[in-house]
Amino acid sequence: RTGSALAEEARRINHRPTWLMALAERELLRTLQVGCHVPFAAVSSWDGESLHLRAQALSELGDSVDMEVSGPVSTDEQAQDLGREMGKRLLSSPEALSMLRASS
């Protein structure tokens, strides 16, 4: 809980770049409304102050759709925006959308 001793300790040991990566990846999954049951991968990495987010949707036959977005990220909101942007791109791809929906 916010303000608790545990929350303060978590804040103290938090690694901000990793936190921002996790936020972007989680927002991508939230936007797509997918979980562990869908053959989908996402990974993020840093290049200076730019966060790169890569994603791959897979079909049962082994076909895939790969996408990447990147941009400067320094706030929680910017990380979430990057994840949403990737999600919208995937959802606008008929091929990726059919792969994501076929598995859900």
C-alpha atoms as a PDB file:
ATOM      1  CA  ARG A   1       0.000   0.000   0.000  1.00  0.00           C
ATOM      2  CA  THR A   2       1.110   3.524  -0.712  1.00  0.00           C
ATOM      3  CA  GLY A   3       2.805   5.025   2.310  1.00  0.00           C
ATOM      4  CA  SER A   4       3.509   1.692   3.991  1.00  0.00           C
ATOM      5  CA  ALA A   5       6.970   0.625   5.126  1.00  0.00           C
ATOM      6  CA  LEU A   6       6.969  -2.068   2.430  1.00  0.00           C
ATOM      7  CA  ALA A   7       6.042   0.449  -0.283  1.00  0.00           C
ATOM      8  CA  GLU A   8       8.857   2.732   0.876  1.00  0.00           C
ATOM      9  CA  GLU A   9      11.357  -0.131   0.779  1.00  0.00           C
ATOM     10  CA  ALA A  10      10.206  -1.120  -2.722  1.00  0.00           C
ATOM     11  CA  ARG A  11      10.598   2.479  -3.870  1.00  0.00           C
ATOM     12  CA  ARG A  12      14.088   2.618  -2.412  1.00  0.00           C
ATOM     13  CA  ILE A  13      15.333  -0.498  -4.223  1.00  0.00           C
ATOM     14  CA  ASN A  14      13.416   0.067  -7.469  1.00  0.00           C
ATOM     15  CA  HIS A  15      15.504   0.168 -10.660  1.00  0.00           C
ATOM     16  CA  ARG A  16      13.785   2.913 -12.647  1.00  0.00           C
ATOM     17  CA  PRO A  17      14.839   1.791 -16.164  1.00  0.00           C
ATOM     18  CA  THR A  18      13.587  -1.742 -15.498  1.00  0.00           C
ATOM     19  CA  TRP A  19      10.344  -0.373 -14.057  1.00  0.00           C
ATOM     20  CA  LEU A  20       9.723   1.660 -17.232  1.00  0.00           C
ATOM     21  CA  MET A  21      10.410  -1.391 -19.410  1.00  0.00           C
ATOM     22  CA  ALA A  22       7.908  -3.451 -17.413  1.00  0.00           C
ATOM     23  CA  LEU A  23       5.283  -0.706 -17.659  1.00  0.00           C
ATOM     24  CA  ALA A  24       5.596  -0.564 -21.456  1.00  0.00           C
ATOM     25  CA  GLU A  25       5.369  -4.350 -21.817  1.00  0.00           C
ATOM     26  CA  ARG A  26       2.402  -4.631 -19.426  1.00  0.00           C
ATOM     27  CA  GLU A  27       0.531  -1.816 -21.163  1.00  0.00           C
ATOM     28  CA  LEU A  28       1.065  -3.604 -24.481  1.00  0.00           C
ATOM     29  CA  LEU A  29      -0.489  -6.772 -23.066  1.00  0.00           C
ATOM     30  CA  ARG A  30      -3.346  -4.778 -21.534  1.00  0.00           C
ATOM     31  CA  THR A  31      -4.038  -3.053 -24.852  1.00  0.00           C
ATOM     32  CA  LEU A  32      -4.098  -6.382 -26.698  1.00  0.00           C
ATOM     33  CA  GLN A  33      -6.105  -8.050 -23.911  1.00  0.00           C
ATOM     34  CA  VAL A  34      -3.933 -11.151 -24.076  1.00  0.00           C
ATOM     35  CA  GLY A  35      -2.252 -13.254 -21.454  1.00  0.00           C
ATOM     36  CA  CYS A  36      -0.068 -16.307 -21.186  1.00  0.00           C
ATOM     37  CA  HIS A  37      -2.400 -18.476 -23.269  1.00  0.00           C
ATOM     38  CA  VAL A  38      -1.626 -16.575 -26.492  1.00  0.00           C
ATOM     39  CA  PRO A  39       1.566 -17.244 -28.508  1.00  0.00           C
ATOM     40  CA  PHE A  40       2.909 -13.733 -28.219  1.00  0.00           C
ATOM     41  CA  ALA A  41       6.242 -12.243 -27.180  1.00  0.00           C
ATOM     42  CA  ALA A  42       7.334  -8.775 -26.148  1.00  0.00           C
ATOM     43  CA  VAL A  43      10.686  -7.493 -24.985  1.00  0.00           C
ATOM     44  CA  SER A  44      12.068  -4.042 -24.355  1.00  0.00           C
ATOM     45  CA  SER A  45      15.565  -2.609 -24.203  1.00  0.00           C
ATOM     46  CA  TRP A  46      17.264   0.731 -23.812  1.00  0.00           C
ATOM     47  CA  ASP A  47      19.386   2.717 -26.253  1.00  0.00           C
ATOM     48  CA  GLY A  48      20.382   5.817 -24.340  1.00  0.00           C
ATOM     49  CA  GLU A  49      17.122   7.509 -23.339  1.00  0.00           C
ATOM     50  CA  SER A  50      15.065   5.694 -25.992  1.00  0.00           C
ATOM     51  CA  LEU A  51      13.075   2.638 -25.046  1.00  0.00           C
ATOM     52  CA  HIS A  52      12.738   0.014 -27.786  1.00  0.00           C
ATOM     53  CA  LEU A  53       9.765  -2.318 -27.607  1.00  0.00           C
ATOM     54  CA  ARG A  54       9.676  -5.369 -29.865  1.00  0.00           C
ATOM     55  CA  ALA A  55       6.723  -7.704 -30.240  1.00  0.00           C
ATOM     56  CA  GLN A  56       5.921 -10.869 -32.129  1.00  0.00           C
ATOM     57  CA  ALA A  57       2.554 -12.514 -32.702  1.00  0.00           C
ATOM     58  CA  LEU A  58       2.714 -16.157 -33.769  1.00  0.00           C
ATOM     59  CA  SER A  59       0.310 -18.486 -35.505  1.00  0.00           C
ATOM     60  CA  GLU A  60      -0.175 -22.167 -34.769  1.00  0.00           C
ATOM     61  CA  LEU A  61       1.523 -22.857 -38.114  1.00  0.00           C
ATOM     62  CA  GLY A  62       4.669 -20.947 -37.171  1.00  0.00           C
ATOM     63  CA  ASP A  63       3.994 -17.738 -39.116  1.00  0.00           C
ATOM     64  CA  SER A  64       4.751 -14.519 -37.294  1.00  0.00           C
ATOM     65  CA  VAL A  65       4.226 -10.784 -37.368  1.00  0.00           C
ATOM     66  CA  ASP A  66       7.101  -8.775 -35.912  1.00  0.00           C
ATOM     67  CA  MET A  67       6.898  -5.095 -34.985  1.00  0.00           C
ATOM     68  CA  GLU A  68       9.080  -2.591 -33.165  1.00  0.00           C
ATOM     69  CA  VAL A  69       8.523   0.884 -31.771  1.00  0.00           C
ATOM     70  CA  SER A  70      10.869   3.163 -29.907  1.00  0.00           C
ATOM     71  CA  GLY A  71      10.937   6.587 -28.411  1.00  0.00           C
ATOM     72  CA  PRO A  72      12.287   8.691 -25.595  1.00  0.00           C
ATOM     73  CA  VAL A  73      10.887   7.553 -22.258  1.00  0.00           C
ATOM     74  CA  SER A  74      11.500   9.107 -18.868  1.00  0.00           C
ATOM     75  CA  THR A  75       8.073   8.919 -17.193  1.00  0.00           C
ATOM     76  CA  ASP A  76       5.583   6.183 -16.363  1.00  0.00           C
ATOM     77  CA  GLU A  77       3.092   7.770 -18.760  1.00  0.00           C
ATOM     78  CA  GLN A  78       5.563   7.781 -21.658  1.00  0.00           C
ATOM     79  CA  ALA A  79       6.331   4.096 -21.068  1.00  0.00           C
ATOM     80  CA  GLN A  80       2.630   3.249 -21.052  1.00  0.00           C
ATOM     81  CA  ASP A  81       2.067   5.352 -24.183  1.00  0.00           C
ATOM     82  CA  LEU A  82       4.772   3.374 -25.985  1.00  0.00           C
ATOM     83  CA  GLY A  83       3.103   0.095 -24.996  1.00  0.00           C
ATOM     84  CA  ARG A  84      -0.302   1.362 -26.165  1.00  0.00           C
ATOM     85  CA  GLU A  85       1.197   2.546 -29.459  1.00  0.00           C
ATOM     86  CA  MET A  86       2.600  -0.926 -30.130  1.00  0.00           C
ATOM     87  CA  GLY A  87      -0.717  -2.508 -29.198  1.00  0.00           C
ATOM     88  CA  LYS A  88      -2.619  -0.257 -31.591  1.00  0.00           C
ATOM     89  CA  ARG A  89      -0.199  -1.077 -34.393  1.00  0.00           C
ATOM     90  CA  LEU A  90      -0.640  -4.800 -33.834  1.00  0.00           C
ATOM     91  CA  LEU A  91      -4.423  -4.484 -33.651  1.00  0.00           C
ATOM     92  CA  SER A  92      -4.426  -2.533 -36.918  1.00  0.00           C
ATOM     93  CA  SER A  93      -2.590  -5.374 -38.667  1.00  0.00           C
ATOM     94  CA  PRO A  94      -5.150  -7.881 -40.006  1.00  0.00           C
ATOM     95  CA  GLU A  95      -2.549 -10.656 -39.972  1.00  0.00           C
ATOM     96  CA  ALA A  96      -1.459 -10.000 -36.365  1.00  0.00           C
ATOM     97  CA  LEU A  97      -5.055  -9.563 -35.231  1.00  0.00           C
ATOM     98  CA  SER A  98      -6.088 -12.914 -36.689  1.00  0.00           C
ATOM     99  CA  MET A  99      -3.164 -14.623 -34.939  1.00  0.00           C
ATOM    100  CA  LEU A 100      -4.000 -13.029 -31.612  1.00  0.00           C
ATOM    101  CA  ARG A 101      -7.712 -13.806 -31.854  1.00  0.00           C
ATOM    102  CA  ALA A 102      -7.254 -17.378 -33.116  1.00  0.00           C
ATOM    103  CA  SER A 103      -5.386 -18.282 -29.954  1.00  0.00           C
ATOM    104  CA  SER A 104      -7.640 -16.590 -27.415  1.00  0.00           C
END
